[in-house]
Protein backbone atom coordinates (compact mmCIF):
# COMPACT_ATOMS: atom_id res chain seq x y z
CA MET A 1 0.03 0.14 0.00
CA ILE A 2 1.34 3.38 -0.86
CA MET A 3 1.23 5.90 2.17
CA ARG A 4 2.42 9.58 2.47
CA GLN A 5 5.09 9.82 5.33
CA GLN A 6 4.76 12.23 7.83
CA ASN A 7 6.84 15.73 7.00
CA ASN A 8 8.16 15.89 10.44
CA LYS A 9 9.23 11.90 10.68
CA LEU A 10 13.14 11.46 11.00
CA GLU A 11 15.22 9.77 8.19
CA VAL A 12 15.33 6.29 8.92
CA TRP A 13 19.13 6.01 9.77
CA LEU A 14 18.42 8.77 12.48
CA ARG A 15 15.76 6.70 14.36
CA GLY A 16 18.20 4.56 16.03
CA SER A 17 19.62 0.96 15.16
CA LEU A 18 17.75 -1.92 13.94
CA ASP A 19 18.01 -4.66 16.55
CA ASP A 20 17.95 -7.44 13.88
CA ILE A 21 20.20 -6.28 11.59
CA PRO A 22 24.03 -6.76 12.03
CA VAL A 23 25.64 -3.47 13.04
CA LEU A 24 28.00 -3.57 9.66
CA LEU A 25 24.91 -3.60 7.75
CA GLN A 26 22.98 -0.88 9.22
CA PRO A 27 23.82 1.71 6.68
CA VAL A 28 22.55 -0.82 4.07
CA ALA A 29 19.20 -1.45 5.70
CA HIS A 30 18.68 2.31 6.50
CA ALA A 31 19.15 3.10 3.23
CA LEU A 32 16.75 0.67 1.76
CA LEU A 33 14.26 1.43 4.18
CA GLN A 34 14.61 5.07 3.24
CA ALA A 35 14.05 4.67 -0.01
CA ARG A 36 10.59 2.50 0.47
CA GLU A 37 9.32 5.28 2.21
CA GLU A 38 10.53 8.07 -0.23
CA ILE A 39 8.90 6.05 -2.99
CA SER A 40 5.94 5.65 -1.32
CA ASP A 41 5.45 9.17 -0.78
CA LEU A 42 6.75 10.10 -4.69
CA LEU A 43 3.98 7.73 -5.70
CA ALA A 44 1.22 9.11 -3.68
CA ASP A 45 1.39 12.15 -5.86
CA LEU A 46 1.86 10.59 -9.39
CA PRO A 47 -1.29 9.87 -11.51
CA GLN A 48 -1.49 6.19 -12.93
CA GLU A 49 -1.77 7.50 -16.23
CA LEU A 50 1.83 9.14 -16.01
CA LEU A 51 3.66 6.15 -14.59
CA TRP A 52 5.23 4.76 -17.93
CA GLU A 53 5.61 8.25 -19.47
CA LYS A 54 9.16 9.41 -20.29
CA PRO A 55 9.37 13.19 -20.09
CA ALA A 56 12.24 14.83 -21.83
CA GLY A 57 13.32 11.08 -23.05
CA LEU A 58 14.19 9.96 -19.04
CA ALA A 59 13.22 6.86 -17.94
CA SER A 60 9.69 6.16 -16.91
CA PRO A 61 8.61 6.22 -13.05
CA ALA A 62 7.59 2.53 -13.73
CA PHE A 63 11.02 1.51 -15.08
CA HIS A 64 12.71 2.89 -11.97
CA LEU A 65 10.34 0.89 -9.87
CA GLN A 66 11.14 -2.01 -11.78
CA HIS A 67 14.77 -1.44 -12.03
CA ILE A 68 15.25 -0.96 -8.31
CA SER A 69 13.81 -4.23 -7.54
CA GLY A 70 15.59 -5.90 -10.19
CA VAL A 71 19.08 -4.50 -9.29
CA LEU A 72 18.50 -5.48 -5.49
CA ASN A 73 17.62 -9.00 -6.45
CA ARG A 74 20.68 -9.35 -8.67
CA LEU A 75 22.98 -7.64 -6.35
CA PHE A 76 21.95 -9.91 -3.50
CA THR A 77 21.95 -13.02 -5.45
CA TYR A 78 25.71 -12.11 -6.27
CA ALA A 79 26.36 -11.37 -2.67
CA GLU A 80 25.10 -14.86 -1.68
CA GLY A 81 27.73 -15.91 -3.99
CA ASN A 82 25.62 -17.21 -6.98
CA GLN A 83 25.16 -16.33 -10.11
CA LEU A 84 21.89 -15.05 -12.04
CA ASN A 85 19.71 -17.69 -13.04
CA LYS A 86 17.52 -17.59 -16.80
CA ASP A 87 14.59 -15.70 -14.84
CA GLN A 88 16.74 -13.20 -13.64
CA LEU A 89 18.14 -12.76 -17.24
CA LEU A 90 14.93 -12.51 -18.63
CA LEU A 91 13.55 -9.94 -16.25
CA LEU A 92 16.70 -7.48 -16.81
CA GLN A 93 15.96 -7.57 -20.31
CA SER A 94 12.10 -6.61 -19.69
CA GLU A 95 12.75 -3.99 -17.68
CA GLY A 96 11.04 -0.55 -18.86
CA ASN A 97 8.59 -3.06 -20.57
CA PRO A 98 4.78 -2.76 -19.31
CA SER A 99 4.15 -6.23 -20.58
CA LEU A 100 5.69 -7.59 -17.53
CA GLY A 101 2.43 -7.42 -16.09
CA ASP A 102 3.14 -5.10 -13.06
CA ASN A 103 1.21 -2.23 -14.57
CA THR A 104 -0.05 0.12 -12.00
CA LYS A 105 1.84 2.01 -9.15
CA ILE A 106 0.42 -0.02 -6.64
CA GLU A 107 1.47 -3.45 -8.26
CA LEU A 108 5.17 -2.24 -8.93
CA PHE A 109 5.37 -0.42 -5.53
CA GLU A 110 4.22 -3.71 -3.65
CA ASN A 111 6.71 -5.81 -6.00
CA LEU A 112 9.68 -3.29 -4.95
CA SER A 113 8.64 -3.45 -1.08
CA ARG A 114 8.72 -7.38 -1.29
CA GLN A 115 11.99 -7.28 -2.78
CA ILE A 116 13.34 -5.18 -0.07
CA ASP A 117 11.77 -7.34 2.63
CA ILE A 118 13.71 -10.24 1.06
CA CYS A 119 16.97 -8.22 1.04
CA LEU A 120 16.27 -7.36 4.68
CA ASP A 121 15.99 -10.92 5.66
CA GLN A 122 19.42 -11.74 3.88
CA LEU A 123 20.97 -9.22 5.94
CA ARG A 124 19.75 -10.46 9.09
CA ASP A 125 21.04 -13.96 8.07
CA THR A 126 24.48 -12.62 6.95
CA ASP A 127 27.70 -13.88 8.44
CA THR A 128 29.49 -10.53 9.02
CA ASN A 129 32.87 -12.90 9.12
CA LEU A 130 32.18 -13.04 5.21
CA LEU A 131 31.65 -9.56 4.39
CA THR A 132 35.00 -9.57 2.53
CA ALA A 133 34.84 -12.82 0.82
CA ARG A 134 35.40 -12.33 -2.81
CA ARG A 135 32.20 -12.39 -5.02
CA GLU A 136 32.11 -12.63 -8.57
CA VAL A 137 29.38 -10.15 -10.81
CA GLY A 138 28.16 -11.19 -14.10
CA ARG A 139 29.03 -13.49 -16.82
CA ALA A 140 32.35 -11.83 -16.70
CA LYS A 141 32.83 -12.71 -13.21
CA LEU A 142 33.89 -9.22 -12.16
CA PRO A 143 35.60 -9.30 -8.61
CA SER A 144 33.74 -7.67 -5.55
CA THR A 145 33.29 -8.47 -1.90
CA MET A 146 29.95 -9.09 -0.37
CA ILE A 147 30.06 -5.96 1.50
CA GLY A 148 30.79 -4.33 -1.79
CA LEU A 149 27.58 -5.75 -3.19
CA TYR A 150 25.62 -4.62 -0.39
CA VAL A 151 26.88 -1.22 -0.22
CA HIS A 152 26.36 -0.80 -3.75
CA ALA A 153 22.82 -2.32 -3.82
CA ALA A 154 21.92 0.74 -1.31
CA GLU A 155 23.83 3.23 -3.35
CA HIS A 156 22.13 2.63 -6.51
CA THR A 157 18.83 2.16 -4.89
CA MET A 158 19.09 5.73 -3.39
CA ARG A 159 20.53 7.06 -7.09
CA HIS A 160 17.31 5.80 -9.03
CA THR A 161 15.09 6.72 -6.10
CA GLY A 162 16.55 10.49 -6.62
CA GLN A 163 16.31 10.11 -10.50
CA LEU A 164 12.35 8.85 -9.59
CA LEU A 165 11.94 11.79 -7.51
CA VAL A 166 12.82 14.11 -10.62
CA THR A 167 11.01 12.02 -13.17
CA ILE A 168 7.97 12.41 -11.08
CA ARG A 169 8.58 16.27 -10.04
CA ILE A 170 8.79 16.93 -14.15
CA LEU A 171 5.99 15.01 -14.75
CA THR A 172 3.53 16.47 -12.10
CA GLU A 173 4.71 20.10 -12.81
CA ASN A 174 3.50 19.68 -16.36
CA ILE A 175 0.19 18.80 -15.03
CA ASN A 176 0.41 21.96 -12.61
CA ASP A 177 1.41 24.11 -15.50
CA ASP A 178 -1.20 22.85 -17.83
CA THR A 179 -4.03 23.41 -15.13
CA ASP A 180 -2.50 26.82 -14.70
CA ALA A 181 -2.50 27.82 -18.26
CA THR A 182 -6.10 26.44 -18.79
CA LEU A 183 -7.17 28.71 -15.95
CA ILE A 184 -5.37 31.62 -17.37
CA THR A 185 -6.92 31.66 -20.71
């Protein structure tokens, strides 16, 4: 469910530690929870008919929602020491395509929220002694570490949350500008 956050609510990282998340992974969990709250708030103002719009050639809000969920799934898979399976590769190729089936902002947000919950569960279960363990990314098996993948997942999520904010502002400002222009004429 998409809900508007209270304006006076502290950012997640300022609300204290999360008892069930290892201390070294708290910043990752805080970022994922913060993104979920901000995205929920952003989507509250977005009319459904603008979900797949690409203002000025930017990625659509729907793409960002699909992409954040997909990136989290992929990076957390690599963090576990696994490579992507066929279904994950197909989803990657389909990001930004409304034919995936999740065509409403509520469906896309619920999918993202579920993925964040899955990530938080993985963080809870992470053996912190393995955070510097080598991990391989992609078919090229590029080198990384478990903690590198977790941190990048948090950073990438927040980057796309910011891009989503800008895209939604552009889309909703155009609506407000059109309404104002109609009222003036």
